[in-house]
C-alpha atoms as a PDB file:
ATOM      1  CA  UNK A   1       0.000   0.000   0.000  1.00  0.00           C
ATOM      2  CA  UNK A   2       1.600   3.352  -1.067  1.00  0.00           C
ATOM      3  CA  UNK A   3       2.166   6.080   1.475  1.00  0.00           C
ATOM      4  CA  UNK A   4       0.379   9.376   0.759  1.00  0.00           C
ATOM      5  CA  UNK A   5       2.722  12.205  -0.089  1.00  0.00           C
ATOM      6  CA  UNK A   6       2.788  15.191   2.248  1.00  0.00           C
ATOM      7  CA  UNK A   7       3.711  17.547  -0.609  1.00  0.00           C
ATOM      8  CA  UNK A   8       0.935  19.434  -2.402  1.00  0.00           C
ATOM      9  CA  UNK A   9       0.201  18.547  -6.004  1.00  0.00           C
ATOM     10  CA  UNK A  10       1.726  21.175  -8.316  1.00  0.00           C
ATOM     11  CA  UNK A  11      -0.847  23.244 -10.164  1.00  0.00           C
ATOM     12  CA  UNK A  12      -0.817  23.562 -13.936  1.00  0.00           C
ATOM     13  CA  UNK A  13       0.416  26.720 -15.636  1.00  0.00           C
ATOM     14  CA  UNK A  14      -1.986  28.693 -17.856  1.00  0.00           C
ATOM     15  CA  UNK A  15      -1.990  27.855 -21.544  1.00  0.00           C
ATOM     16  CA  UNK A  16       0.587  29.828 -23.544  1.00  0.00           C
ATOM     17  CA  UNK A  17      -1.729  30.564 -26.457  1.00  0.00           C
ATOM     18  CA  UNK A  18      -4.602  31.439 -24.162  1.00  0.00           C
ATOM     19  CA  UNK A  19      -8.222  32.201 -24.998  1.00  0.00           C
ATOM     20  CA  UNK A  20      -9.273  34.231 -28.026  1.00  0.00           C
ATOM     21  CA  UNK A  21     -12.008  36.231 -26.239  1.00  0.00           C
ATOM     22  CA  UNK A  22     -10.755  39.714 -25.350  1.00  0.00           C
ATOM     23  CA  UNK A  23     -12.102  42.198 -22.823  1.00  0.00           C
ATOM     24  CA  UNK A  24     -11.213  45.857 -22.362  1.00  0.00           C
ATOM     25  CA  UNK A  25     -10.245  46.721 -18.773  1.00  0.00           C
ATOM     26  CA  UNK A  26     -11.029  50.239 -17.506  1.00  0.00           C
ATOM     27  CA  UNK A  27     -10.287  52.210 -14.315  1.00  0.00           C
ATOM     28  CA  UNK A  28     -13.399  52.596 -12.129  1.00  0.00           C
ATOM     29  CA  UNK A  29     -12.399  56.071 -10.979  1.00  0.00           C
ATOM     30  CA  UNK A  30     -11.722  57.904 -14.249  1.00  0.00           C
ATOM     31  CA  UNK A  31     -12.970  55.417 -16.908  1.00  0.00           C
ATOM     32  CA  UNK A  32      -9.556  55.322 -18.653  1.00  0.00           C
ATOM     33  CA  UNK A  33      -8.743  52.157 -20.607  1.00  0.00           C
ATOM     34  CA  UNK A  34      -5.913  50.278 -18.890  1.00  0.00           C
ATOM     35  CA  UNK A  35      -5.377  47.273 -21.157  1.00  0.00           C
ATOM     36  CA  UNK A  36      -6.928  44.692 -23.466  1.00  0.00           C
ATOM     37  CA  UNK A  37      -6.868  41.209 -21.953  1.00  0.00           C
ATOM     38  CA  UNK A  38      -7.457  37.719 -23.393  1.00  0.00           C
ATOM     39  CA  UNK A  39      -9.831  36.343 -20.753  1.00  0.00           C
ATOM     40  CA  UNK A  40     -11.077  32.798 -20.407  1.00  0.00           C
ATOM     41  CA  UNK A  41     -14.305  31.897 -18.640  1.00  0.00           C
ATOM     42  CA  UNK A  42     -17.343  33.881 -17.550  1.00  0.00           C
ATOM     43  CA  UNK A  43     -16.335  34.853 -14.014  1.00  0.00           C
ATOM     44  CA  UNK A  44     -15.179  38.122 -12.535  1.00  0.00           C
ATOM     45  CA  UNK A  45     -11.733  39.560 -13.300  1.00  0.00           C
ATOM     46  CA  UNK A  46      -9.648  38.623 -10.252  1.00  0.00           C
ATOM     47  CA  UNK A  47      -6.187  38.138 -11.722  1.00  0.00           C
ATOM     48  CA  UNK A  48      -4.602  38.981 -15.047  1.00  0.00           C
ATOM     49  CA  UNK A  49      -1.697  36.941 -16.373  1.00  0.00           C
ATOM     50  CA  UNK A  50       0.823  39.317 -17.928  1.00  0.00           C
ATOM     51  CA  UNK A  51       1.379  37.065 -20.943  1.00  0.00           C
ATOM     52  CA  UNK A  52      -2.331  37.390 -21.847  1.00  0.00           C
ATOM     53  CA  UNK A  53      -2.344  41.214 -21.964  1.00  0.00           C
ATOM     54  CA  UNK A  54      -2.483  42.087 -25.655  1.00  0.00           C
ATOM     55  CA  UNK A  55      -2.430  45.930 -25.434  1.00  0.00           C
ATOM     56  CA  UNK A  56      -1.130  47.769 -22.367  1.00  0.00           C
ATOM     57  CA  UNK A  57      -1.921  51.484 -21.918  1.00  0.00           C
ATOM     58  CA  UNK A  58      -0.290  51.944 -18.476  1.00  0.00           C
ATOM     59  CA  UNK A  59       3.091  53.574 -17.849  1.00  0.00           C
ATOM     60  CA  UNK A  60       3.799  51.962 -14.469  1.00  0.00           C
ATOM     61  CA  UNK A  61       2.537  48.456 -13.679  1.00  0.00           C
ATOM     62  CA  UNK A  62      -0.669  48.330 -11.642  1.00  0.00           C
ATOM     63  CA  UNK A  63      -1.276  52.098 -11.666  1.00  0.00           C
ATOM     64  CA  UNK A  64      -3.806  54.076 -13.709  1.00  0.00           C
ATOM     65  CA  UNK A  65      -2.018  56.577 -16.005  1.00  0.00           C
ATOM     66  CA  UNK A  66      -4.742  59.254 -15.644  1.00  0.00           C
ATOM     67  CA  UNK A  67      -5.629  59.315 -11.923  1.00  0.00           C
ATOM     68  CA  UNK A  68      -2.587  57.459 -10.428  1.00  0.00           C
ATOM     69  CA  UNK A  69      -4.878  55.024  -8.572  1.00  0.00           C
ATOM     70  CA  UNK A  70      -3.296  51.647  -7.777  1.00  0.00           C
ATOM     71  CA  UNK A  71      -5.606  48.999  -9.252  1.00  0.00           C
ATOM     72  CA  UNK A  72      -3.463  45.831  -9.019  1.00  0.00           C
ATOM     73  CA  UNK A  73      -0.481  44.200  -7.298  1.00  0.00           C
ATOM     74  CA  UNK A  74       2.354  42.279  -8.944  1.00  0.00           C
ATOM     75  CA  UNK A  75       2.344  38.625  -7.919  1.00  0.00           C
ATOM     76  CA  UNK A  76       3.158  35.114  -9.066  1.00  0.00           C
ATOM     77  CA  UNK A  77       0.231  32.777  -9.725  1.00  0.00           C
ATOM     78  CA  UNK A  78       1.260  29.155 -10.312  1.00  0.00           C
ATOM     79  CA  UNK A  79       4.773  30.364 -11.105  1.00  0.00           C
ATOM     80  CA  UNK A  80       3.604  32.830 -13.779  1.00  0.00           C
ATOM     81  CA  UNK A  81       3.781  36.654 -13.417  1.00  0.00           C
ATOM     82  CA  UNK A  82       0.335  38.174 -12.963  1.00  0.00           C
ATOM     83  CA  UNK A  83      -1.583  41.179 -11.651  1.00  0.00           C
ATOM     84  CA  UNK A  84      -3.857  40.555  -8.679  1.00  0.00           C
ATOM     85  CA  UNK A  85      -6.760  42.973  -9.163  1.00  0.00           C
ATOM     86  CA  UNK A  86      -7.865  45.010  -6.124  1.00  0.00           C
ATOM     87  CA  UNK A  87     -11.654  44.755  -5.706  1.00  0.00           C
ATOM     88  CA  UNK A  88     -13.851  47.351  -7.481  1.00  0.00           C
ATOM     89  CA  UNK A  89     -10.869  49.320  -8.835  1.00  0.00           C
ATOM     90  CA  UNK A  90     -11.458  48.165 -12.430  1.00  0.00           C
ATOM     91  CA  UNK A  91     -14.326  47.013 -14.624  1.00  0.00           C
ATOM     92  CA  UNK A  92     -14.314  45.209 -17.944  1.00  0.00           C
ATOM     93  CA  UNK A  93     -16.449  45.334 -21.095  1.00  0.00           C
END
């Protein structure tokens, strides 16, 4: 009988090609477009993988260029660089 491993199962990385559906992400404060993102699924925008951002309109990462509001934090998700979106700071269309 095999002994159960005490190490967690490694999670899969996101697909390199990614989904083809794109959404435009805007700042909630000033309605400025921040970037165009290839999003998969129907859920809310919680994290954005950097490799899926197709057009980036920001000068500094995670900060709105118009009103200087911080809308996201840099993080690693499953070993891949991503933005963790701060709640209600952005909306997408």
